[in-house]
């Protein structure tokens, strides 16, 4: 049964029908043709973000996009209640999800000196807490971290994450470990860039990430 968002109780997931006619502002077109568009939506009482693949090509909107959104929804459920993770508001339909809007700039819009070392200490604790719940981001960069209210870092865009049983073993655990190390490396790289701390201990690339960096260097001139 469909219900208009403005009459839905707090926390009730919006519907595609309920989104029609609401104020929408495009925050991000998506880094490439496989990524969801990101809209800020307001119903007058609250603001939230909608990640939507319905405007993409048929393979993305019917196959790849819904698969990524299902995995992202699973990640948000697993991380529910963790400070620094936006609240998951629900599934719009198989091509879109709704997430709490966090009022804060992405780190890519900040200059060196605007954040102190304490922010990155909190970010590192947040990333480690994600790992303890079996979620590794895997592609953490300055566009995926927000400087939220009160100096709280927020991690967003979990579409590329890996999920494992925190206490399990097996081949997927090896990939998870690679992504875990990449997350921690990303935190320290951002610390060095935005605090000017030349002594920040940036872990080396490992395994698949090291191979990927070499491959990108090889492709560079081409």
Foldseek 3Di string as FASTA:
>chain_A
DADAPVPDPPLAWHAPVNQPPWDKDFPAPAPDLLFFTWIWTDPPPAIKIKTFNPPGDPCNQPPVQLVLVVVVVVLLVLCPPQFQEWHFSAARDSGMGITHDFPFDFQVPDAAPPDAVVLLVLVLVSQVVSVLSFKFQQDDARRQWGCGPPRHIHGDDSSPIGGDHSPDDDDSVVVNVLRSLVSNLRSQVSNCGRHVPPPRDRDDRDDPVVVVVVVCVVVVVD
